[in-house]
Amino acid sequence: MSKRSIIPAGTGKPLAPFVPGSMADGVLYVSGTLPFDKDNNVVHVGDATAQTRHVLEIIKGVVEAAGGTLDDVTFNMIMIRDWADYAQVNEVYAEYFAGEKPARYCIQCGLVKPDALIEIASIAHIG
């Protein structure tokens, strides 16, 4: 099995020992992505719509750095802090996955920083 790390240009240092993406045999695994700037500060505090858009833009960048597009995403794991944000998350999510939708799940849980409202991890098949 061949494996390589996917680290888009401009990516900040992660909070823990991981890389933004890992590609193995044509499958890209995108790490859990939070609404952080390159210094690991939460952006758009209190705004689930803007945080979701920020997270999906980061994921899009990882997928593109691996040579794919969001159309290659086959599965998303979504974690939200509060079910009250679910409709906002889905509204933005539908913009990014306008065609055939990937499989997914969504759970409510605590996230690594209290101001983070969403985290998404993805799997894409590229090539």
C-alpha atoms as a PDB file:
ATOM      1  CA  MET A   1       0.000   0.000   0.000  1.00  0.00           C
ATOM      2  CA  SER A   2       1.307   3.424  -0.894  1.00  0.00           C
ATOM      3  CA  LYS A   3       0.467   6.231   1.498  1.00  0.00           C
ATOM      4  CA  ARG A   4       1.210   9.957   1.430  1.00  0.00           C
ATOM      5  CA  SER A   5       0.318  12.941   3.565  1.00  0.00           C
ATOM      6  CA  ILE A   6      -1.772  15.711   2.030  1.00  0.00           C
ATOM      7  CA  ILE A   7      -0.905  19.126   3.456  1.00  0.00           C
ATOM      8  CA  PRO A   8      -2.237  22.077   1.419  1.00  0.00           C
ATOM      9  CA  ALA A   9      -0.075  25.192   1.150  1.00  0.00           C
ATOM     10  CA  GLY A  10      -0.717  27.641   3.995  1.00  0.00           C
ATOM     11  CA  THR A  11      -1.877  24.967   6.426  1.00  0.00           C
ATOM     12  CA  GLY A  12      -1.145  25.827  10.057  1.00  0.00           C
ATOM     13  CA  LYS A  13       0.351  23.459  12.592  1.00  0.00           C
ATOM     14  CA  PRO A  14      -2.315  21.046  13.919  1.00  0.00           C
ATOM     15  CA  LEU A  15      -3.220  20.948  17.622  1.00  0.00           C
ATOM     16  CA  ALA A  16      -2.355  17.248  17.769  1.00  0.00           C
ATOM     17  CA  PRO A  17      -0.115  14.790  15.874  1.00  0.00           C
ATOM     18  CA  PHE A  18      -2.003  14.420  12.565  1.00  0.00           C
ATOM     19  CA  VAL A  19      -2.043  15.737   8.998  1.00  0.00           C
ATOM     20  CA  PRO A  20      -4.992  17.339   7.182  1.00  0.00           C
ATOM     21  CA  GLY A  21      -5.264  14.393   4.794  1.00  0.00           C
ATOM     22  CA  SER A  22      -3.819  10.978   4.177  1.00  0.00           C
ATOM     23  CA  MET A  23      -4.011   9.298   0.752  1.00  0.00           C
ATOM     24  CA  ALA A  24      -3.738   5.535   0.432  1.00  0.00           C
ATOM     25  CA  ASP A  25      -4.466   3.553  -2.730  1.00  0.00           C
ATOM     26  CA  GLY A  26      -6.669   6.274  -4.226  1.00  0.00           C
ATOM     27  CA  VAL A  27      -8.651   6.883  -1.051  1.00  0.00           C
ATOM     28  CA  LEU A  28      -8.268  10.213   0.729  1.00  0.00           C
ATOM     29  CA  TYR A  29      -9.017  10.411   4.441  1.00  0.00           C
ATOM     30  CA  VAL A  30      -9.532  14.009   5.566  1.00  0.00           C
ATOM     31  CA  SER A  31      -8.935  14.547   9.275  1.00  0.00           C
ATOM     32  CA  GLY A  32     -11.611  16.044  11.467  1.00  0.00           C
ATOM     33  CA  THR A  33     -11.701  19.675  10.372  1.00  0.00           C
ATOM     34  CA  LEU A  34     -12.668  22.453  12.754  1.00  0.00           C
ATOM     35  CA  PRO A  35     -13.357  26.144  12.064  1.00  0.00           C
ATOM     36  CA  PHE A  36      -9.792  27.215  12.857  1.00  0.00           C
ATOM     37  CA  ASP A  37      -7.534  29.801  11.285  1.00  0.00           C
ATOM     38  CA  LYS A  38      -3.893  28.871  10.633  1.00  0.00           C
ATOM     39  CA  ASP A  39      -3.060  29.724  14.278  1.00  0.00           C
ATOM     40  CA  ASN A  40      -5.772  27.336  15.594  1.00  0.00           C
ATOM     41  CA  ASN A  41      -8.077  30.145  16.706  1.00  0.00           C
ATOM     42  CA  VAL A  42     -11.809  29.555  16.215  1.00  0.00           C
ATOM     43  CA  VAL A  43     -13.232  31.784  13.466  1.00  0.00           C
ATOM     44  CA  HIS A  44     -16.791  33.151  13.156  1.00  0.00           C
ATOM     45  CA  VAL A  45     -17.588  32.581  16.834  1.00  0.00           C
ATOM     46  CA  GLY A  46     -21.308  31.983  17.331  1.00  0.00           C
ATOM     47  CA  ASP A  47     -22.077  31.666  13.597  1.00  0.00           C
ATOM     48  CA  ALA A  48     -22.764  28.057  12.568  1.00  0.00           C
ATOM     49  CA  THR A  49     -23.327  29.042   8.930  1.00  0.00           C
ATOM     50  CA  ALA A  50     -19.951  30.768   8.582  1.00  0.00           C
ATOM     51  CA  GLN A  51     -18.145  28.051  10.553  1.00  0.00           C
ATOM     52  CA  THR A  52     -19.632  25.339   8.334  1.00  0.00           C
ATOM     53  CA  ARG A  53     -18.598  27.219   5.203  1.00  0.00           C
ATOM     54  CA  HIS A  54     -15.071  27.681   6.625  1.00  0.00           C
ATOM     55  CA  VAL A  55     -14.750  23.965   7.449  1.00  0.00           C
ATOM     56  CA  LEU A  56     -15.989  22.891   4.014  1.00  0.00           C
ATOM     57  CA  GLU A  57     -13.566  25.282   2.295  1.00  0.00           C
ATOM     58  CA  ILE A  58     -10.690  23.697   4.225  1.00  0.00           C
ATOM     59  CA  ILE A  59     -11.893  20.205   3.282  1.00  0.00           C
ATOM     60  CA  LYS A  60     -12.241  21.316  -0.346  1.00  0.00           C
ATOM     61  CA  GLY A  61      -8.618  22.528  -0.226  1.00  0.00           C
ATOM     62  CA  VAL A  62      -7.383  19.186   1.110  1.00  0.00           C
ATOM     63  CA  VAL A  63      -9.325  17.255  -1.534  1.00  0.00           C
ATOM     64  CA  GLU A  64      -8.038  19.531  -4.304  1.00  0.00           C
ATOM     65  CA  ALA A  65      -4.456  19.226  -3.011  1.00  0.00           C
ATOM     66  CA  ALA A  66      -4.860  15.461  -3.429  1.00  0.00           C
ATOM     67  CA  GLY A  67      -6.017  15.934  -7.021  1.00  0.00           C
ATOM     68  CA  GLY A  68      -9.774  15.604  -6.517  1.00  0.00           C
ATOM     69  CA  THR A  69     -12.941  17.635  -6.183  1.00  0.00           C
ATOM     70  CA  LEU A  70     -15.804  17.594  -3.706  1.00  0.00           C
ATOM     71  CA  ASP A  71     -17.618  15.319  -6.183  1.00  0.00           C
ATOM     72  CA  ASP A  72     -15.099  12.639  -5.140  1.00  0.00           C
ATOM     73  CA  VAL A  73     -16.221  12.769  -1.492  1.00  0.00           C
ATOM     74  CA  THR A  74     -18.116   9.589  -0.634  1.00  0.00           C
ATOM     75  CA  PHE A  75     -18.603   9.939   3.124  1.00  0.00           C
ATOM     76  CA  ASN A  76     -18.735  12.728   5.712  1.00  0.00           C
ATOM     77  CA  MET A  77     -18.755  12.446   9.477  1.00  0.00           C
ATOM     78  CA  ILE A  78     -20.310  15.567  10.977  1.00  0.00           C
ATOM     79  CA  MET A  79     -20.077  16.548  14.629  1.00  0.00           C
ATOM     80  CA  ILE A  80     -22.054  19.529  15.889  1.00  0.00           C
ATOM     81  CA  ARG A  81     -22.111  21.063  19.341  1.00  0.00           C
ATOM     82  CA  ASP A  82     -25.823  21.903  19.330  1.00  0.00           C
ATOM     83  CA  TRP A  83     -28.774  20.468  17.402  1.00  0.00           C
ATOM     84  CA  ALA A  84     -30.102  24.031  17.119  1.00  0.00           C
ATOM     85  CA  ASP A  85     -27.437  24.563  14.419  1.00  0.00           C
ATOM     86  CA  TYR A  86     -28.451  21.517  12.359  1.00  0.00           C
ATOM     87  CA  ALA A  87     -30.594  23.418   9.814  1.00  0.00           C
ATOM     88  CA  GLN A  88     -27.853  26.018   9.220  1.00  0.00           C
ATOM     89  CA  VAL A  89     -25.258  23.296   8.751  1.00  0.00           C
ATOM     90  CA  ASN A  90     -27.467  21.473   6.241  1.00  0.00           C
ATOM     91  CA  GLU A  91     -28.137  24.654   4.270  1.00  0.00           C
ATOM     92  CA  VAL A  92     -24.432  25.293   3.701  1.00  0.00           C
ATOM     93  CA  TYR A  93     -23.682  21.581   3.249  1.00  0.00           C
ATOM     94  CA  ALA A  94     -26.227  21.405   0.397  1.00  0.00           C
ATOM     95  CA  GLU A  95     -24.372  24.225  -1.414  1.00  0.00           C
ATOM     96  CA  TYR A  96     -21.108  22.274  -1.366  1.00  0.00           C
ATOM     97  CA  PHE A  97     -22.675  18.911  -2.220  1.00  0.00           C
ATOM     98  CA  ALA A  98     -25.253  20.058  -4.763  1.00  0.00           C
ATOM     99  CA  GLY A  99     -25.196  16.961  -6.982  1.00  0.00           C
ATOM    100  CA  GLU A 100     -25.189  13.384  -5.805  1.00  0.00           C
ATOM    101  CA  LYS A 101     -24.779  13.504  -2.038  1.00  0.00           C
ATOM    102  CA  PRO A 102     -22.154  11.554  -0.109  1.00  0.00           C
ATOM    103  CA  ALA A 103     -23.208   9.199   2.653  1.00  0.00           C
ATOM    104  CA  ARG A 104     -22.870  10.765   6.091  1.00  0.00           C
ATOM    105  CA  TYR A 105     -23.755  10.780   9.727  1.00  0.00           C
ATOM    106  CA  CYS A 106     -24.212  13.642  12.167  1.00  0.00           C
ATOM    107  CA  ILE A 107     -23.851  13.517  15.938  1.00  0.00           C
ATOM    108  CA  GLN A 108     -24.017  16.081  18.710  1.00  0.00           C
ATOM    109  CA  CYS A 109     -20.947  16.193  20.933  1.00  0.00           C
ATOM    110  CA  GLY A 110     -18.444  18.413  22.681  1.00  0.00           C
ATOM    111  CA  LEU A 111     -15.638  19.698  20.452  1.00  0.00           C
ATOM    112  CA  VAL A 112     -11.980  20.414  21.231  1.00  0.00           C
ATOM    113  CA  LYS A 113     -12.574  24.173  21.664  1.00  0.00           C
ATOM    114  CA  PRO A 114     -15.830  25.465  23.195  1.00  0.00           C
ATOM    115  CA  ASP A 115     -16.389  28.139  20.504  1.00  0.00           C
ATOM    116  CA  ALA A 116     -16.232  25.544  17.712  1.00  0.00           C
ATOM    117  CA  LEU A 117     -19.758  24.644  16.598  1.00  0.00           C
ATOM    118  CA  ILE A 118     -18.903  22.033  13.957  1.00  0.00           C
ATOM    119  CA  GLU A 119     -16.293  19.486  12.904  1.00  0.00           C
ATOM    120  CA  ILE A 120     -16.356  17.401   9.716  1.00  0.00           C
ATOM    121  CA  ALA A 121     -14.145  14.494   8.624  1.00  0.00           C
ATOM    122  CA  SER A 122     -14.384  13.136   5.074  1.00  0.00           C
ATOM    123  CA  ILE A 123     -13.449  10.231   2.837  1.00  0.00           C
ATOM    124  CA  ALA A 124     -12.948  10.699  -0.913  1.00  0.00           C
ATOM    125  CA  HIS A 125     -12.101   8.265  -3.704  1.00  0.00           C
ATOM    126  CA  ILE A 126      -9.820  10.026  -6.163  1.00  0.00           C
ATOM    127  CA  GLY A 127      -8.704   8.834  -9.549  1.00  0.00           C
END
